[in-house]
Protein backbone atom coordinates (compact mmCIF):
# COMPACT_ATOMS: atom_id res chain seq x y z
CA MET A 1 -1.81 30.45 58.28
CA ASP A 2 -4.06 32.65 60.39
CA TYR A 3 -3.45 33.46 64.05
CA ARG A 4 -5.89 34.95 66.53
CA LEU A 5 -5.67 37.72 69.08
CA GLY A 6 -9.09 37.87 70.67
CA ASN A 7 -11.52 38.04 67.75
CA LEU A 8 -8.86 39.44 65.41
CA LYS A 9 -7.36 37.29 62.65
CA LEU A 10 -3.68 37.88 61.93
CA LYS A 11 -1.30 36.72 59.22
CA ALA A 12 1.88 37.00 61.30
CA ARG A 13 2.96 36.70 64.94
CA VAL A 14 5.62 39.42 64.88
CA PHE A 15 4.38 42.87 65.92
CA LEU A 16 5.73 46.41 66.09
CA ALA A 17 6.07 47.37 69.75
CA PRO A 18 4.60 50.65 71.04
CA MET A 19 7.17 53.45 70.88
CA LEU A 20 6.36 57.11 71.31
CA GLU A 21 8.63 58.86 68.80
CA PRO A 22 9.37 56.23 66.13
CA ASN A 23 5.80 55.00 65.61
CA ASP A 24 4.38 57.72 63.39
CA ILE A 25 1.83 56.74 60.76
CA ALA A 26 4.37 56.58 57.89
CA PHE A 27 6.68 54.26 59.80
CA ARG A 28 3.82 52.04 60.96
CA LEU A 29 2.52 51.71 57.40
CA LEU A 30 5.96 50.65 56.16
CA CYS A 31 6.16 48.02 58.89
CA ARG A 32 2.78 46.64 57.84
CA ARG A 33 3.90 46.66 54.20
CA ALA A 34 6.95 44.62 55.21
CA GLY A 35 4.82 41.93 56.83
CA CYS A 36 4.44 43.09 60.43
CA GLY A 37 1.39 41.32 61.85
CA LEU A 38 0.11 44.24 63.90
CA THR A 39 1.33 47.72 64.84
CA TRP A 40 0.99 49.62 68.10
CA THR A 41 0.82 53.39 68.40
CA GLY A 42 2.95 55.23 70.90
CA MET A 43 1.25 55.80 74.24
CA THR A 44 -1.65 58.24 74.00
CA SER A 45 -3.66 60.03 76.66
CA ALA A 46 -7.43 59.60 76.59
CA LEU A 47 -7.60 63.33 77.29
CA SER A 48 -5.58 64.21 74.18
CA LYS A 49 -7.15 66.34 71.47
CA ALA A 50 -4.33 65.73 68.99
CA LYS A 51 -5.15 64.48 65.50
CA LEU A 52 -4.56 60.74 65.15
CA ASP A 53 -3.67 59.08 61.85
CA LEU A 54 -4.86 55.47 62.06
CA ASP A 55 -4.93 54.23 58.47
CA ASP A 56 -2.83 51.19 59.45
CA LYS A 57 -5.60 50.07 61.86
CA PRO A 58 -3.16 49.84 64.78
CA VAL A 59 -3.63 48.84 68.39
CA LEU A 60 -4.08 52.20 70.10
CA GLN A 61 -2.16 52.32 73.36
CA LEU A 62 -3.52 54.41 76.23
CA PHE A 63 -1.73 55.52 79.38
CA GLY A 64 -2.79 57.37 82.50
CA ASN A 65 -3.46 57.04 86.20
CA SER A 66 -7.28 57.17 86.12
CA SER A 67 -10.16 56.17 83.86
CA ARG A 68 -11.10 59.80 83.22
CA GLY A 69 -11.90 60.42 79.56
CA ILE A 70 -11.50 56.81 78.46
CA LYS A 71 -15.14 56.10 77.57
CA SER A 72 -15.57 59.07 75.25
CA PHE A 73 -12.11 58.61 73.70
CA MET A 74 -12.66 54.94 72.93
CA LYS A 75 -16.10 55.62 71.53
CA GLU A 76 -14.57 58.14 69.11
CA TYR A 77 -11.79 55.86 67.84
CA ASP A 78 -12.96 52.28 68.29
CA SER A 79 -14.08 51.85 64.67
CA ARG A 80 -10.66 52.97 63.38
CA VAL A 81 -8.39 50.62 65.31
CA SER A 82 -7.72 46.88 65.46
CA GLY A 83 -7.56 46.86 69.23
CA TRP A 84 -6.60 48.68 72.42
CA ASP A 85 -3.72 48.47 74.86
CA PHE A 86 -3.04 49.90 78.29
CA ASN A 87 0.52 50.86 79.15
CA LEU A 88 1.86 49.58 82.47
CA GLY A 89 5.39 49.27 81.15
CA CYS A 90 6.80 52.73 80.42
CA PRO A 91 9.80 53.51 82.70
CA SER A 92 10.30 57.15 81.66
CA LYS A 93 11.00 60.05 84.00
CA LEU A 94 7.57 61.45 83.16
CA SER A 95 5.96 58.14 84.14
CA LYS A 96 7.75 58.31 87.48
CA LYS A 97 6.63 61.89 88.02
CA LEU A 98 2.98 61.35 87.08
CA LYS A 99 2.68 57.77 88.42
CA HIS A 100 1.59 56.11 85.21
CA GLY A 101 3.11 53.37 83.04
CA ALA A 102 5.38 51.08 85.06
CA CYS A 103 5.03 53.45 88.02
CA LEU A 104 1.27 52.96 88.44
CA ASN A 105 1.19 50.50 91.33
CA ASP A 106 -2.34 50.97 92.69
CA LEU A 107 -4.12 47.72 91.82
CA GLU A 108 -7.57 49.19 92.42
CA VAL A 109 -6.91 51.99 89.94
CA ILE A 110 -5.47 49.51 87.42
CA GLU A 111 -8.55 47.32 87.76
CA ASP A 112 -10.91 50.27 87.33
CA ILE A 113 -9.13 51.44 84.17
CA LEU A 114 -9.11 47.98 82.62
CA ARG A 115 -12.78 47.35 83.45
CA VAL A 116 -13.76 50.61 81.80
CA MET A 117 -11.66 49.80 78.72
CA ARG A 118 -13.07 46.28 78.48
CA SER A 119 -16.62 47.63 78.67
CA CYS A 120 -15.98 50.04 75.79
CA THR A 121 -14.97 47.60 73.06
CA ARG A 122 -15.39 44.09 71.72
CA LYS A 123 -12.03 44.35 70.02
CA PRO A 124 -8.83 42.89 71.50
CA LEU A 125 -7.61 44.54 74.70
CA THR A 126 -4.00 43.99 75.69
CA VAL A 127 -1.91 45.19 78.63
CA LYS A 128 1.83 45.90 78.56
CA ILE A 129 3.59 45.05 81.84
CA ARG A 130 7.13 44.78 83.19
CA LYS A 131 8.90 42.46 85.55
CA SER A 132 7.79 43.59 89.00
CA ASP A 133 6.40 42.36 92.30
CA LEU A 134 2.92 43.24 91.02
CA ALA A 135 3.16 41.46 87.67
CA PHE A 136 1.23 38.37 88.74
CA ASP A 137 -1.42 40.43 90.54
CA ILE A 138 -1.92 42.45 87.36
CA LEU A 139 -2.11 39.21 85.38
CA ARG A 140 -4.86 37.96 87.71
CA ILE A 141 -6.83 41.18 87.21
CA CYS A 142 -6.42 40.90 83.44
CA GLU A 143 -7.80 37.38 83.46
CA GLU A 144 -10.76 38.29 85.67
CA ILE A 145 -11.70 41.20 83.40
CA GLY A 146 -11.28 39.34 80.11
CA VAL A 147 -8.19 41.02 78.68
CA SER A 148 -7.24 39.40 75.36
CA ALA A 149 -3.47 39.17 75.89
CA VAL A 150 -0.73 40.41 78.16
CA CYS A 151 2.60 41.69 76.86
CA ILE A 152 5.58 41.09 79.15
CA HIS A 153 8.76 43.16 78.99
CA ALA A 154 10.92 41.19 81.39
CA ARG A 155 13.14 44.01 82.53
CA THR A 156 12.56 45.92 85.76
CA LEU A 157 11.65 49.58 86.07
CA SER A 158 15.20 50.44 87.12
CA GLN A 159 16.66 48.63 84.09
CA GLY A 160 14.62 50.66 81.62
CA TYR A 161 15.47 49.36 78.15
CA SER A 162 18.98 48.12 78.90
CA GLY A 163 20.45 45.16 80.71
CA GLU A 164 19.61 41.50 80.47
CA VAL A 165 16.02 40.41 79.96
CA ASP A 166 14.82 37.91 82.58
CA TYR A 167 13.60 35.30 80.13
CA ASP A 168 12.72 32.88 82.93
CA PHE A 169 10.40 35.48 84.47
CA ALA A 170 8.64 35.90 81.13
CA LEU A 171 8.27 32.12 80.90
CA LYS A 172 6.66 32.09 84.35
CA ILE A 173 4.13 34.67 83.16
CA LYS A 174 3.43 32.46 80.13
CA GLU A 175 3.04 29.37 82.30
CA LYS A 176 0.64 31.14 84.66
CA ALA A 177 -1.46 32.89 82.01
CA SER A 178 -4.56 31.38 80.45
CA MET A 179 -4.52 34.06 77.74
CA PRO A 180 -1.98 34.62 74.95
CA VAL A 181 1.32 36.20 76.00
CA ILE A 182 3.29 38.61 73.82
CA PHE A 183 7.04 38.75 74.47
CA SER A 184 8.71 42.15 74.42
CA GLY A 185 12.32 43.18 74.91
CA VAL A 186 14.05 41.56 71.92
CA SER A 187 17.67 42.63 71.70
CA ASN A 188 18.81 40.11 69.10
CA LEU A 189 16.72 39.24 66.04
CA ASN A 190 18.27 35.79 65.98
CA ASP A 191 16.25 35.03 69.15
CA VAL A 192 12.87 35.56 67.45
CA GLU A 193 12.57 31.98 66.26
CA LYS A 194 13.06 30.60 69.78
CA ILE A 195 10.75 33.21 71.32
CA LEU A 196 7.96 32.18 68.96
CA ARG A 197 8.34 28.59 70.16
CA ASP A 198 7.89 29.72 73.77
CA PHE A 199 5.34 32.54 73.39
CA ASP A 200 2.26 33.26 71.31
CA PHE A 201 3.53 36.49 69.75
CA VAL A 202 6.61 38.71 69.86
CA MET A 203 7.05 42.48 69.65
CA ILE A 204 10.01 44.16 68.00
CA GLY A 205 10.77 47.63 69.31
CA ARG A 206 14.15 49.31 69.33
CA GLU A 207 15.60 46.84 66.81
CA ALA A 208 13.01 48.08 64.29
CA ILE A 209 13.78 51.80 64.64
CA GLY A 210 14.83 53.05 61.21
CA ARG A 211 14.57 49.51 59.85
CA PRO A 212 10.98 48.59 58.94
CA GLY A 213 12.51 46.07 56.55
CA ILE A 214 13.39 43.76 59.43
CA PHE A 215 9.83 42.47 59.22
CA LEU A 216 10.57 41.11 55.74
CA GLY A 217 10.80 37.39 56.40
CA LEU A 218 11.31 37.35 60.17
CA GLU A 219 8.99 34.36 60.41
CA ASN A 220 10.65 32.42 57.61
CA LYS A 221 14.19 31.88 56.42
CA SER A 222 13.64 32.41 52.69
CA GLY A 223 15.86 35.48 52.43
CA GLN A 224 18.96 36.87 54.08
CA LEU A 225 18.53 39.91 56.33
CA LEU A 226 21.09 42.65 55.81
CA LYS A 227 22.45 45.00 58.45
CA ASN A 228 20.22 47.85 57.36
CA GLY A 229 17.12 45.69 57.56
CA THR A 230 16.67 45.03 53.84
CA ARG A 231 17.10 41.70 52.11
CA THR A 232 19.20 40.32 49.28
CA ASN A 233 16.14 39.20 47.34
CA THR A 234 12.45 39.92 47.04
CA ASP A 235 10.19 38.20 49.55
CA GLU A 236 7.18 36.03 48.84
CA HIS A 237 4.97 39.13 48.50
CA GLY A 238 7.25 40.62 45.82
CA LEU A 239 8.59 43.32 48.12
CA LYS A 240 12.13 44.63 47.88
CA GLY A 241 14.08 46.31 50.65
CA ASP A 242 13.86 49.72 48.97
CA GLU A 243 10.06 49.45 48.97
CA VAL A 244 10.18 49.92 52.72
CA GLY A 245 13.17 52.28 52.70
CA PHE A 246 13.46 55.97 53.47
CA GLY A 247 12.27 57.08 50.03
CA GLU A 248 8.94 55.37 50.67
CA TYR A 249 8.85 56.75 54.20
CA LEU A 250 9.29 60.26 52.83
CA LYS A 251 6.39 59.82 50.38
CA LEU A 252 4.11 58.77 53.22
CA ALA A 253 5.40 61.54 55.50
CA LYS A 254 4.45 64.10 52.86
CA LYS A 255 1.05 62.49 52.34
CA TYR A 256 0.23 62.72 56.04
CA GLY A 257 1.82 66.10 56.60
CA LEU A 258 4.33 64.99 59.22
CA TYR A 259 6.35 67.78 60.78
CA PHE A 260 9.88 68.48 59.50
CA ARG A 261 11.34 67.69 62.92
CA GLN A 262 9.80 64.20 62.82
CA VAL A 263 11.00 63.53 59.27
CA LYS A 264 14.54 64.60 60.22
CA TYR A 265 14.43 62.36 63.30
CA GLN A 266 13.40 59.39 61.16
CA ALA A 267 16.03 60.16 58.51
CA MET A 268 18.65 59.89 61.24
CA ASN A 269 17.16 56.54 62.26
CA PHE A 270 17.23 55.19 58.71
CA THR A 271 21.00 55.73 58.52
CA LYS A 272 21.52 53.14 61.26
CA GLY A 273 23.74 50.31 60.07
CA LEU A 274 24.71 51.98 56.80
CA ALA A 275 28.39 52.05 55.84
CA ASP A 276 28.26 55.84 55.38
CA GLY A 277 25.76 56.36 58.17
CA LYS A 278 28.00 58.60 60.26
CA LYS A 279 28.59 60.99 57.36
CA LEU A 280 24.90 61.04 56.48
CA ARG A 281 23.98 61.92 60.05
CA GLY A 282 26.54 64.70 60.03
CA ASP A 283 25.03 66.12 56.85
CA LEU A 284 21.49 65.75 58.22
CA VAL A 285 22.34 67.88 61.25
CA GLY A 286 22.49 70.91 58.95
CA ALA A 287 19.28 70.09 57.05
CA LYS A 288 16.74 72.93 57.24
CA THR A 289 14.02 71.68 54.90
CA THR A 290 12.47 68.42 53.76
CA GLU A 291 14.14 69.04 50.40
CA ASP A 292 17.52 69.11 52.14
CA ILE A 293 16.76 65.75 53.73
CA GLU A 294 15.60 64.31 50.42
CA ARG A 295 18.80 65.46 48.72
CA ILE A 296 21.07 64.08 51.45
CA MET A 297 19.29 60.74 51.79
CA GLY A 298 18.92 60.44 48.04
CA ARG A 299 22.70 60.14 47.75
CA LYS A 300 22.63 56.84 49.60
CA GLU A 301 20.08 55.38 47.19
């Protein structure tokens, strides 16, 4: 079955949420391989000159507190992405300092940024928001401009990524919105089935870190999910858990020339939920080269 986000056809309604450190190109590609419907990049400045690897055709998430640089940036990358997103949800200390993300509360500035972004692409444009006093005002602006979907993380700025999600608040956003609504803030994968009854799409963020295999079968019950995100059998696409495991991540990391520090960070993540995870992490602390990481992680396979 096909689903639609704007003019984009999708095969699945479960997405990889935008995360700054975890969402490198190798990790995003594994998530897509596992059946993730759409991936988001980490937040990116329109003024950035950094090289972007976009072979997974992700939604490219922008952040900032003005529209400066957006037109030229989007013109450069529009053909290489599936869509665009603007971040109004990040609660980090840097966001507080620079007044962007969840700390950008000037509605005129928000409207200007979104109008510029909408004028630069025919592809889907989404906006990530949090529970706040401005949430419904931002929703109104999104609808006036023609944003394709809004993503609601129903925790407050002060909650960050912890504490209870206000599911009722998210439902109020869904009830008010005339556009699709993406739910964010999943803390228990068992809730995904219910969320997809109440919302158009769902994003998986922190639960996916180090576990791209969680996307194997999240929208069907044909295989049992294991603690480390793999499954007891192959899925309907013939994929096995080890086909989206760390060994495959490492191959992609080498292909794209990811820095050693990033590979080591992801190796730590991939030990999450493993019986010998604590020992592996202890060994990884002393790793000095990619070969060291490969040797240490190879022992678990």
